[in-house]
Amino acid sequence: MMWSTFHIKVFTTSEKAILNSVIKNFCCYSGKTLEKFTHLEKPWRHTRCGLPVDAHSNRIISKELLGEYFIAVKEKFCMLNPGDIGEYSQAIFEQIN
């Protein structure tokens, strides 16, 4: 989808709240920090299984693996509303420091 044709009206109110919470809780981190976040997570590690840390890869992380992972994150952090995303972002930040 081209950004010039993107329209915010495609999202429901709930989806907008989630997107806003993700932006609020993750936009403060640098690209390198966000990269470290993703490289700690199971979908990344599972998909790269056996590859050296610095090896380039075209392996695709499956939607199923992502779904399973974020369902587990939602349960672990008792995410009941979009504001609960902040606790997850703080916890993962503490893992890299």
PDB file of N, CA and C in Angstrom:
ATOM      1  N   MET A   1       0.843  -1.169   0.000  1.00  0.00           N
ATOM      2  CA  MET A   1       0.000   0.000   0.000  1.00  0.00           C
ATOM      3  C   MET A   1       0.892   1.238   0.000  1.00  0.00           C
ATOM      4  N   MET A   2       0.627   2.154  -0.877  1.00  0.00           N
ATOM      5  CA  MET A   2       1.389   3.396  -0.931  1.00  0.00           C
ATOM      6  C   MET A   2       0.865   4.345   0.139  1.00  0.00           C
ATOM      7  N   TRP A   3       1.776   5.068   0.787  1.00  0.00           N
ATOM      8  CA  TRP A   3       1.372   5.996   1.840  1.00  0.00           C
ATOM      9  C   TRP A   3       0.460   7.084   1.302  1.00  0.00           C
ATOM     10  N   SER A   4       0.616   7.461   0.045  1.00  0.00           N
ATOM     11  CA  SER A   4      -0.225   8.525  -0.499  1.00  0.00           C
ATOM     12  C   SER A   4      -1.690   8.102  -0.595  1.00  0.00           C
ATOM     13  N   THR A   5      -1.945   6.775  -0.605  1.00  0.00           N
ATOM     14  CA  THR A   5      -3.324   6.303  -0.683  1.00  0.00           C
ATOM     15  C   THR A   5      -3.825   5.775   0.665  1.00  0.00           C
ATOM     16  N   PHE A   6      -2.993   5.840   1.673  1.00  0.00           N
ATOM     17  CA  PHE A   6      -3.339   5.364   3.003  1.00  0.00           C
ATOM     18  C   PHE A   6      -4.361   6.293   3.637  1.00  0.00           C
ATOM     19  N   HIS A   7      -5.342   5.696   4.313  1.00  0.00           N
ATOM     20  CA  HIS A   7      -6.336   6.505   4.997  1.00  0.00           C
ATOM     21  C   HIS A   7      -6.643   5.914   6.359  1.00  0.00           C
ATOM     22  N   ILE A   8      -6.594   6.744   7.378  1.00  0.00           N
ATOM     23  CA  ILE A   8      -6.791   6.303   8.762  1.00  0.00           C
ATOM     24  C   ILE A   8      -8.164   5.685   8.983  1.00  0.00           C
ATOM     25  N   LYS A   9      -9.115   5.978   8.134  1.00  0.00           N
ATOM     26  CA  LYS A   9     -10.479   5.466   8.308  1.00  0.00           C
ATOM     27  C   LYS A   9     -10.585   3.957   8.113  1.00  0.00           C
ATOM     28  N   VAL A  10      -9.519   3.325   7.635  1.00  0.00           N
ATOM     29  CA  VAL A  10      -9.563   1.871   7.461  1.00  0.00           C
ATOM     30  C   VAL A  10      -9.494   1.145   8.801  1.00  0.00           C
ATOM     31  N   PHE A  11      -9.110   1.865   9.860  1.00  0.00           N
ATOM     32  CA  PHE A  11      -8.974   1.261  11.174  1.00  0.00           C
ATOM     33  C   PHE A  11     -10.181   1.549  12.058  1.00  0.00           C
ATOM     34  N   THR A  12     -10.529   0.561  12.882  1.00  0.00           N
ATOM     35  CA  THR A  12     -11.591   0.756  13.865  1.00  0.00           C
ATOM     36  C   THR A  12     -11.043   1.604  15.010  1.00  0.00           C
ATOM     37  N   THR A  13     -11.914   2.058  15.864  1.00  0.00           N
ATOM     38  CA  THR A  13     -11.487   2.831  17.035  1.00  0.00           C
ATOM     39  C   THR A  13     -10.543   2.005  17.904  1.00  0.00           C
ATOM     40  N   SER A  14     -10.841   0.726  18.098  1.00  0.00           N
ATOM     41  CA  SER A  14      -9.979  -0.152  18.896  1.00  0.00           C
ATOM     42  C   SER A  14      -8.608  -0.317  18.262  1.00  0.00           C
ATOM     43  N   GLU A  15      -8.573  -0.507  16.955  1.00  0.00           N
ATOM     44  CA  GLU A  15      -7.295  -0.661  16.253  1.00  0.00           C
ATOM     45  C   GLU A  15      -6.466   0.615  16.357  1.00  0.00           C
ATOM     46  N   LYS A  16      -7.106   1.767  16.262  1.00  0.00           N
ATOM     47  CA  LYS A  16      -6.399   3.046  16.397  1.00  0.00           C
ATOM     48  C   LYS A  16      -5.806   3.177  17.796  1.00  0.00           C
ATOM     49  N   ALA A  17      -6.540   2.748  18.811  1.00  0.00           N
ATOM     50  CA  ALA A  17      -6.047   2.822  20.187  1.00  0.00           C
ATOM     51  C   ALA A  17      -4.807   1.949  20.364  1.00  0.00           C
ATOM     52  N   ILE A  18      -4.816   0.766  19.768  1.00  0.00           N
ATOM     53  CA  ILE A  18      -3.656  -0.129  19.837  1.00  0.00           C
ATOM     54  C   ILE A  18      -2.465   0.488  19.123  1.00  0.00           C
ATOM     55  N   LEU A  19      -2.685   0.997  17.917  1.00  0.00           N
ATOM     56  CA  LEU A  19      -1.595   1.624  17.163  1.00  0.00           C
ATOM     57  C   LEU A  19      -1.019   2.811  17.933  1.00  0.00           C
ATOM     58  N   ASN A  20      -1.885   3.635  18.504  1.00  0.00           N
ATOM     59  CA  ASN A  20      -1.412   4.796  19.268  1.00  0.00           C
ATOM     60  C   ASN A  20      -0.595   4.362  20.480  1.00  0.00           C
ATOM     61  N   SER A  21      -1.006   3.289  21.143  1.00  0.00           N
ATOM     62  CA  SER A  21      -0.261   2.794  22.298  1.00  0.00           C
ATOM     63  C   SER A  21       1.100   2.246  21.876  1.00  0.00           C
ATOM     64  N   VAL A  22       1.148   1.525  20.768  1.00  0.00           N
ATOM     65  CA  VAL A  22       2.432   1.012  20.267  1.00  0.00           C
ATOM     66  C   VAL A  22       3.360   2.190  19.951  1.00  0.00           C
ATOM     67  N   ILE A  23       2.823   3.195  19.282  1.00  0.00           N
ATOM     68  CA  ILE A  23       3.639   4.371  18.950  1.00  0.00           C
ATOM     69  C   ILE A  23       4.125   5.047  20.224  1.00  0.00           C
ATOM     70  N   LYS A  24       3.227   5.266  21.174  1.00  0.00           N
ATOM     71  CA  LYS A  24       3.578   5.928  22.430  1.00  0.00           C
ATOM     72  C   LYS A  24       4.668   5.170  23.194  1.00  0.00           C
ATOM     73  N   ASN A  25       4.577   3.850  23.205  1.00  0.00           N
ATOM     74  CA  ASN A  25       5.482   3.051  24.027  1.00  0.00           C
ATOM     75  C   ASN A  25       6.753   2.584  23.332  1.00  0.00           C
ATOM     76  N   PHE A  26       6.828   2.717  22.015  1.00  0.00           N
ATOM     77  CA  PHE A  26       8.017   2.249  21.303  1.00  0.00           C
ATOM     78  C   PHE A  26       8.742   3.326  20.505  1.00  0.00           C
ATOM     79  N   CYS A  27       8.103   4.460  20.238  1.00  0.00           N
ATOM     80  CA  CYS A  27       8.753   5.475  19.392  1.00  0.00           C
ATOM     81  C   CYS A  27       9.934   6.151  20.080  1.00  0.00           C
ATOM     82  N   CYS A  28      10.040   5.996  21.383  1.00  0.00           N
ATOM     83  CA  CYS A  28      11.141   6.624  22.115  1.00  0.00           C
ATOM     84  C   CYS A  28      12.463   5.871  21.939  1.00  0.00           C
ATOM     85  N   TYR A  29      12.408   4.677  21.369  1.00  0.00           N
ATOM     86  CA  TYR A  29      13.613   3.861  21.222  1.00  0.00           C
ATOM     87  C   TYR A  29      14.231   4.042  19.835  1.00  0.00           C
ATOM     88  N   SER A  30      15.536   3.931  19.778  1.00  0.00           N
ATOM     89  CA  SER A  30      16.244   4.019  18.498  1.00  0.00           C
ATOM     90  C   SER A  30      15.978   2.765  17.666  1.00  0.00           C
ATOM     91  N   GLY A  31      16.293   2.855  16.403  1.00  0.00           N
ATOM     92  CA  GLY A  31      16.164   1.701  15.525  1.00  0.00           C
ATOM     93  C   GLY A  31      17.007   0.532  16.009  1.00  0.00           C
ATOM     94  N   LYS A  32      18.206   0.816  16.509  1.00  0.00           N
ATOM     95  CA  LYS A  32      19.101  -0.235  16.999  1.00  0.00           C
ATOM     96  C   LYS A  32      18.509  -0.915  18.228  1.00  0.00           C
ATOM     97  N   THR A  33      17.885  -0.142  19.112  1.00  0.00           N
ATOM     98  CA  THR A  33      17.252  -0.725  20.300  1.00  0.00           C
ATOM     99  C   THR A  33      16.058  -1.576  19.894  1.00  0.00           C
ATOM    100  N   LEU A  34      15.254  -1.095  18.971  1.00  0.00           N
ATOM    101  CA  LEU A  34      14.110  -1.877  18.494  1.00  0.00           C
ATOM    102  C   LEU A  34      14.577  -3.170  17.830  1.00  0.00           C
ATOM    103  N   GLU A  35      15.696  -3.102  17.125  1.00  0.00           N
ATOM    104  CA  GLU A  35      16.272  -4.299  16.525  1.00  0.00           C
ATOM    105  C   GLU A  35      16.647  -5.308  17.620  1.00  0.00           C
ATOM    106  N   LYS A  36      17.249  -4.830  18.684  1.00  0.00           N
ATOM    107  CA  LYS A  36      17.607  -5.705  19.801  1.00  0.00           C
ATOM    108  C   LYS A  36      16.357  -6.331  20.415  1.00  0.00           C
ATOM    109  N   PHE A  37      15.283  -5.546  20.525  1.00  0.00           N
ATOM    110  CA  PHE A  37      14.013  -6.085  21.033  1.00  0.00           C
ATOM    111  C   PHE A  37      13.589  -7.289  20.214  1.00  0.00           C
ATOM    112  N   THR A  38      13.514  -7.103  18.906  1.00  0.00           N
ATOM    113  CA  THR A  38      13.003  -8.174  18.050  1.00  0.00           C
ATOM    114  C   THR A  38      13.912  -9.389  18.044  1.00  0.00           C
ATOM    115  N   HIS A  39      15.199  -9.164  18.203  1.00  0.00           N
ATOM    116  CA  HIS A  39      16.141 -10.284  18.162  1.00  0.00           C
ATOM    117  C   HIS A  39      16.121 -11.115  19.443  1.00  0.00           C
ATOM    118  N   LEU A  40      15.474 -10.600  20.477  1.00  0.00           N
ATOM    119  CA  LEU A  40      15.285 -11.370  21.713  1.00  0.00           C
ATOM    120  C   LEU A  40      14.043 -12.254  21.640  1.00  0.00           C
ATOM    121  N   GLU A  41      13.127 -11.900  20.775  1.00  0.00           N
ATOM    122  CA  GLU A  41      11.827 -12.550  20.751  1.00  0.00           C
ATOM    123  C   GLU A  41      11.865 -13.898  20.033  1.00  0.00           C
ATOM    124  N   LYS A  42      11.012 -14.803  20.490  1.00  0.00           N
ATOM    125  CA  LYS A  42      10.982 -16.184  19.994  1.00  0.00           C
ATOM    126  C   LYS A  42      10.807 -16.293  18.475  1.00  0.00           C
ATOM    127  N   PRO A  43       9.919 -15.533  17.849  1.00  0.00           N
ATOM    128  CA  PRO A  43       9.778 -15.712  16.389  1.00  0.00           C
ATOM    129  C   PRO A  43      11.089 -15.491  15.631  1.00  0.00           C
ATOM    130  N   TRP A  44      11.842 -14.486  16.038  1.00  0.00           N
ATOM    131  CA  TRP A  44      13.132 -14.203  15.392  1.00  0.00           C
ATOM    132  C   TRP A  44      14.117 -15.340  15.647  1.00  0.00           C
ATOM    133  N   ARG A  45      14.262 -15.714  16.919  1.00  0.00           N
ATOM    134  CA  ARG A  45      15.220 -16.774  17.272  1.00  0.00           C
ATOM    135  C   ARG A  45      14.855 -18.100  16.614  1.00  0.00           C
ATOM    136  N   HIS A  46      13.575 -18.458  16.623  1.00  0.00           N
ATOM    137  CA  HIS A  46      13.119 -19.720  16.038  1.00  0.00           C
ATOM    138  C   HIS A  46      13.381 -19.761  14.526  1.00  0.00           C
ATOM    139  N   THR A  47      13.073 -18.670  13.847  1.00  0.00           N
ATOM    140  CA  THR A  47      13.227 -18.622  12.395  1.00  0.00           C
ATOM    141  C   THR A  47      14.693 -18.648  11.987  1.00  0.00           C
ATOM    142  N   ARG A  48      15.558 -18.092  12.793  1.00  0.00           N
ATOM    143  CA  ARG A  48      16.990 -18.058  12.481  1.00  0.00           C
ATOM    144  C   ARG A  48      17.751 -19.232  13.089  1.00  0.00           C
ATOM    145  N   CYS A  49      17.066 -20.171  13.653  1.00  0.00           N
ATOM    146  CA  CYS A  49      17.689 -21.305  14.329  1.00  0.00           C
ATOM    147  C   CYS A  49      18.860 -21.861  13.513  1.00  0.00           C
ATOM    148  N   GLY A  50      20.022 -21.901  14.151  1.00  0.00           N
ATOM    149  CA  GLY A  50      21.201 -22.462  13.502  1.00  0.00           C
ATOM    150  C   GLY A  50      22.054 -21.461  12.751  1.00  0.00           C
ATOM    151  N   LEU A  51      21.563 -20.247  12.553  1.00  0.00           N
ATOM    152  CA  LEU A  51      22.355 -19.241  11.838  1.00  0.00           C
ATOM    153  C   LEU A  51      23.216 -18.448  12.814  1.00  0.00           C
ATOM    154  N   PRO A  52      24.420 -18.084  12.392  1.00  0.00           N
ATOM    155  CA  PRO A  52      25.233 -17.201  13.230  1.00  0.00           C
ATOM    156  C   PRO A  52      24.511 -15.865  13.442  1.00  0.00           C
ATOM    157  N   VAL A  53      24.781 -15.211  14.543  1.00  0.00           N
ATOM    158  CA  VAL A  53      24.105 -13.956  14.903  1.00  0.00           C
ATOM    159  C   VAL A  53      24.197 -12.914  13.793  1.00  0.00           C
ATOM    160  N   ASP A  54      25.358 -12.808  13.147  1.00  0.00           N
ATOM    161  CA  ASP A  54      25.564 -11.768  12.147  1.00  0.00           C
ATOM    162  C   ASP A  54      25.285 -12.231  10.708  1.00  0.00           C
ATOM    163  N   ALA A  55      24.754 -13.428  10.539  1.00  0.00           N
ATOM    164  CA  ALA A  55      24.482 -13.954   9.196  1.00  0.00           C
ATOM    165  C   ALA A  55      23.222 -13.326   8.599  1.00  0.00           C
ATOM    166  N   HIS A  56      23.295 -12.978   7.332  1.00  0.00           N
ATOM    167  CA  HIS A  56      22.143 -12.460   6.601  1.00  0.00           C
ATOM    168  C   HIS A  56      21.172 -13.614   6.355  1.00  0.00           C
ATOM    169  N   SER A  57      19.883 -13.298   6.365  1.00  0.00           N
ATOM    170  CA  SER A  57      18.894 -14.342   6.129  1.00  0.00           C
ATOM    171  C   SER A  57      17.677 -13.782   5.414  1.00  0.00           C
ATOM    172  N   ASN A  58      17.114 -14.585   4.525  1.00  0.00           N
ATOM    173  CA  ASN A  58      15.857 -14.244   3.853  1.00  0.00           C
ATOM    174  C   ASN A  58      14.708 -15.097   4.381  1.00  0.00           C
ATOM    175  N   ARG A  59      14.944 -15.786   5.475  1.00  0.00           N
ATOM    176  CA  ARG A  59      13.897 -16.608   6.063  1.00  0.00           C
ATOM    177  C   ARG A  59      12.726 -15.721   6.498  1.00  0.00           C
ATOM    178  N   ILE A  60      11.532 -16.214   6.304  1.00  0.00           N
ATOM    179  CA  ILE A  60      10.331 -15.452   6.632  1.00  0.00           C
ATOM    180  C   ILE A  60       9.745 -15.971   7.939  1.00  0.00           C
ATOM    181  N   ILE A  61       9.478 -15.051   8.856  1.00  0.00           N
ATOM    182  CA  ILE A  61       8.833 -15.408  10.115  1.00  0.00           C
ATOM    183  C   ILE A  61       7.350 -15.626   9.804  1.00  0.00           C
ATOM    184  N   SER A  62       6.850 -16.798  10.141  1.00  0.00           N
ATOM    185  CA  SER A  62       5.464 -17.116   9.787  1.00  0.00           C
ATOM    186  C   SER A  62       4.468 -16.317  10.620  1.00  0.00           C
ATOM    187  N   LYS A  63       3.317 -16.054  10.030  1.00  0.00           N
ATOM    188  CA  LYS A  63       2.240 -15.362  10.734  1.00  0.00           C
ATOM    189  C   LYS A  63       1.777 -16.179  11.924  1.00  0.00           C
ATOM    190  N   GLU A  64       1.799 -17.500  11.785  1.00  0.00           N
ATOM    191  CA  GLU A  64       1.381 -18.373  12.879  1.00  0.00           C
ATOM    192  C   GLU A  64       2.301 -18.225  14.088  1.00  0.00           C
ATOM    193  N   LEU A  65       3.608 -18.194  13.824  1.00  0.00           N
ATOM    194  CA  LEU A  65       4.581 -18.044  14.898  1.00  0.00           C
ATOM    195  C   LEU A  65       4.436 -16.684  15.572  1.00  0.00           C
ATOM    196  N   LEU A  66       4.237 -15.633  14.779  1.00  0.00           N
ATOM    197  CA  LEU A  66       4.015 -14.302  15.344  1.00  0.00           C
ATOM    198  C   LEU A  66       2.751 -14.277  16.193  1.00  0.00           C
ATOM    199  N   GLY A  67       1.678 -14.879  15.669  1.00  0.00           N
ATOM    200  CA  GLY A  67       0.415 -14.916  16.400  1.00  0.00           C
ATOM    201  C   GLY A  67       0.554 -15.632  17.728  1.00  0.00           C
ATOM    202  N   GLU A  68       1.181 -16.799  17.713  1.00  0.00           N
ATOM    203  CA  GLU A  68       1.391 -17.564  18.944  1.00  0.00           C
ATOM    204  C   GLU A  68       2.212 -16.757  19.954  1.00  0.00           C
ATOM    205  N   TYR A  69       3.242 -16.105  19.462  1.00  0.00           N
ATOM    206  CA  TYR A  69       4.112 -15.327  20.346  1.00  0.00           C
ATOM    207  C   TYR A  69       3.345 -14.191  21.011  1.00  0.00           C
ATOM    208  N   PHE A  70       2.610 -13.427  20.225  1.00  0.00           N
ATOM    209  CA  PHE A  70       1.938 -12.269  20.807  1.00  0.00           C
ATOM    210  C   PHE A  70       0.716 -12.650  21.637  1.00  0.00           C
ATOM    211  N   ILE A  71       0.129 -13.805  21.395  1.00  0.00           N
ATOM    212  CA  ILE A  71      -0.911 -14.306  22.304  1.00  0.00           C
ATOM    213  C   ILE A  71      -0.274 -14.600  23.661  1.00  0.00           C
ATOM    214  N   ALA A  72       0.905 -15.214  23.646  1.00  0.00           N
ATOM    215  CA  ALA A  72       1.617 -15.511  24.898  1.00  0.00           C
ATOM    216  C   ALA A  72       2.015 -14.221  25.617  1.00  0.00           C
ATOM    217  N   VAL A  73       2.470 -13.207  24.867  1.00  0.00           N
ATOM    218  CA  VAL A  73       2.835 -11.917  25.464  1.00  0.00           C
ATOM    219  C   VAL A  73       1.597 -11.285  26.095  1.00  0.00           C
ATOM    220  N   LYS A  74       0.495 -11.325  25.382  1.00  0.00           N
ATOM    221  CA  LYS A  74      -0.759 -10.751  25.899  1.00  0.00           C
ATOM    222  C   LYS A  74      -1.147 -11.410  27.220  1.00  0.00           C
ATOM    223  N   GLU A  75      -1.027 -12.716  27.288  1.00  0.00           N
ATOM    224  CA  GLU A  75      -1.367 -13.444  28.518  1.00  0.00           C
ATOM    225  C   GLU A  75      -0.371 -13.153  29.636  1.00  0.00           C
ATOM    226  N   LYS A  76       0.925 -13.169  29.315  1.00  0.00           N
ATOM    227  CA  LYS A  76       1.963 -12.949  30.326  1.00  0.00           C
ATOM    228  C   LYS A  76       1.832 -11.580  30.981  1.00  0.00           C
ATOM    229  N   PHE A  77       1.526 -10.563  30.185  1.00  0.00           N
ATOM    230  CA  PHE A  77       1.453  -9.200  30.694  1.00  0.00           C
ATOM    231  C   PHE A  77       0.021  -8.756  30.991  1.00  0.00           C
ATOM    232  N   CYS A  78      -0.901  -9.713  30.974  1.00  0.00           N
ATOM    233  CA  CYS A  78      -2.313  -9.426  31.289  1.00  0.00           C
ATOM    234  C   CYS A  78      -2.816  -8.205  30.525  1.00  0.00           C
ATOM    235  N   MET A  79      -2.561  -8.188  29.231  1.00  0.00           N
ATOM    236  CA  MET A  79      -2.969  -7.052  28.412  1.00  0.00           C
ATOM    237  C   MET A  79      -4.469  -7.116  28.162  1.00  0.00           C
ATOM    238  N   LEU A  80      -5.173  -6.203  28.786  1.00  0.00           N
ATOM    239  CA  LEU A  80      -6.623  -6.129  28.617  1.00  0.00           C
ATOM    240  C   LEU A  80      -7.034  -4.898  27.831  1.00  0.00           C
ATOM    241  N   ASN A  81      -6.153  -3.907  27.790  1.00  0.00           N
ATOM    242  CA  ASN A  81      -6.441  -2.706  27.010  1.00  0.00           C
ATOM    243  C   ASN A  81      -5.146  -2.194  26.398  1.00  0.00           C
ATOM    244  N   PRO A  82      -5.239  -1.304  25.417  1.00  0.00           N
ATOM    245  CA  PRO A  82      -4.035  -0.843  24.722  1.00  0.00           C
ATOM    246  C   PRO A  82      -2.967  -0.226  25.623  1.00  0.00           C
ATOM    247  N   GLY A  83      -3.372   0.393  26.715  1.00  0.00           N
ATOM    248  CA  GLY A  83      -2.402   1.002  27.614  1.00  0.00           C
ATOM    249  C   GLY A  83      -1.466   0.008  28.271  1.00  0.00           C
ATOM    250  N   ASP A  84      -1.859  -1.262  28.295  1.00  0.00           N
ATOM    251  CA  ASP A  84      -1.041  -2.295  28.926  1.00  0.00           C
ATOM    252  C   ASP A  84       0.217  -2.630  28.127  1.00  0.00           C
ATOM    253  N   ILE A  85       0.328  -2.127  26.939  1.00  0.00           N
ATOM    254  CA  ILE A  85       1.498  -2.383  26.091  1.00  0.00           C
ATOM    255  C   ILE A  85       2.760  -1.788  26.727  1.00  0.00           C
ATOM    256  N   GLY A  86       2.605  -0.742  27.515  1.00  0.00           N
ATOM    257  CA  GLY A  86       3.749  -0.083  28.149  1.00  0.00           C
ATOM    258  C   GLY A  86       4.538  -1.008  29.046  1.00  0.00           C
ATOM    259  N   GLU A  87       3.870  -1.860  29.795  1.00  0.00           N
ATOM    260  CA  GLU A  87       4.564  -2.795  30.687  1.00  0.00           C
ATOM    261  C   GLU A  87       5.433  -3.764  29.887  1.00  0.00           C
ATOM    262  N   TYR A  88       4.914  -4.231  28.766  1.00  0.00           N
ATOM    263  CA  TYR A  88       5.686  -5.120  27.891  1.00  0.00           C
ATOM    264  C   TYR A  88       6.917  -4.401  27.341  1.00  0.00           C
ATOM    265  N   SER A  89       6.749  -3.173  26.859  1.00  0.00           N
ATOM    266  CA  SER A  89       7.896  -2.458  26.285  1.00  0.00           C
ATOM    267  C   SER A  89       8.969  -2.215  27.342  1.00  0.00           C
ATOM    268  N   GLN A  90       8.557  -1.907  28.567  1.00  0.00           N
ATOM    269  CA  GLN A  90       9.522  -1.696  29.648  1.00  0.00           C
ATOM    270  C   GLN A  90      10.248  -2.994  29.997  1.00  0.00           C
ATOM    271  N   ALA A  91       9.512  -4.096  30.053  1.00  0.00           N
ATOM    272  CA  ALA A  91      10.124  -5.384  30.404  1.00  0.00           C
ATOM    273  C   ALA A  91      11.150  -5.811  29.362  1.00  0.00           C
ATOM    274  N   ILE A  92      10.832  -5.642  28.107  1.00  0.00           N
ATOM    275  CA  ILE A  92      11.784  -6.062  27.073  1.00  0.00           C
ATOM    276  C   ILE A  92      12.991  -5.127  27.039  1.00  0.00           C
ATOM    277  N   PHE A  93      12.770  -3.830  27.328  1.00  0.00           N
ATOM    278  CA  PHE A  93      13.886  -2.889  27.397  1.00  0.00           C
ATOM    279  C   PHE A  93      14.846  -3.303  28.511  1.00  0.00           C
ATOM    280  N   GLU A  94      14.306  -3.712  29.641  1.00  0.00           N
ATOM    281  CA  GLU A  94      15.157  -4.131  30.763  1.00  0.00           C
ATOM    282  C   GLU A  94      15.973  -5.380  30.425  1.00  0.00           C
ATOM    283  N   GLN A  95      15.484  -6.202  29.511  1.00  0.00           N
ATOM    284  CA  GLN A  95      16.232  -7.406  29.106  1.00  0.00           C
ATOM    285  C   GLN A  95      17.481  -7.074  28.309  1.00  0.00           C
ATOM    286  N   ILE A  96      17.470  -5.967  27.599  1.00  0.00           N
ATOM    287  CA  ILE A  96      18.638  -5.643  26.764  1.00  0.00           C
ATOM    288  C   ILE A  96      19.644  -4.762  27.489  1.00  0.00           C
ATOM    289  N   ASN A  97      19.272  -4.281  28.647  1.00  0.00           N
ATOM    290  CA  ASN A  97      20.199  -3.432  29.424  1.00  0.00           C
ATOM    291  C   ASN A  97      20.753  -4.126  30.621  1.00  0.00           C
TER     292      ASN A  97
END
